[in-house]
Amino acid sequence: MFQGKRWEFVRSKIEENIASNSLAPGEKLPNDLELAKLYGVNRHTVRYAIRALEQKGILRVEQGRGTYVVENPTPYLLSAETRLTDNLIAHGRLARRNILSSETIAADERLAKNLQLSIGDEVFSIRTLSFQDEVPIVIAHSYFPAQRVPGLLDEFSGVNSISKALKRVGVEGYTQQWVQINARMPTEEEARLLGMSTSMPVFIKENLDCVDGKPLKFGENVLCASRINFLINFAELKSR
């Protein structure tokens, strides 16, 4: 007989099912009521066990969709030229992108500093939500100096690809000049878009892309921490 709290019993049974592959990575769990009947406990006990497994990074709770076994995180190579979508495809993870917003805004102090503009200058703002295997993985905010890439928003709306849109306005290649990564808890909107709990952390990846030493794009990405592993190639760094 199991010795311990009832929620610990539920937690251990779910962990056993995952370890035996009865519950595979990415698989959806039965709902709370079904699990409560299965293990002879109440729904509150089930939710407590699920919350504990979510905090351990074993389960993920998607608001309005259900609870899933966490997949193996996707390796994300940080390099001067690697793009997230290319990275997902390279690892056999299907990638797609939804456009959340595309508009012209005025540069605030932060954008002006990073893009070497004056406060109030026009900036193209593109906000997207990217998926891997139909699981939301990153909210991407991209900001461009409007005077350097005229027509970018129109081109982007037609191809839904920043790289392709940039080529259409005459920008063939660009590289990341710097990357900064921090972690914090998500806002309610971020958690909703990423299908995750507000109790789980996100990575905040900021980066500056340049062409011929001039700022082209300032990016701020919000990534679900349990779905990404950042990798750094030190051999590439030494060669620079």
Foldseek 3Di string as FASTA:
>chain_A
DDPDDLLVVLLVVVVVCDVVCVADAFRFDDALVVSCVVSVHHSVSPVVSLVVCVVVLQWFAFPPPHIHGHDQAQEDEDDFADDPCVSLVVVVWHKDKDWPDWDKDFADPVRCVQQVHDGGQIKIWTWMWMDTNNQTWKIKIKIFRCVVQPPLRVQCVVPVDNQVSSVVSPDNDKTWPDKDKDKDFDDPVVCNSRRGDSVAMWIWIWIFIDDPPGTGMTMTMTGRVSRYDYDYDVVNVVVD
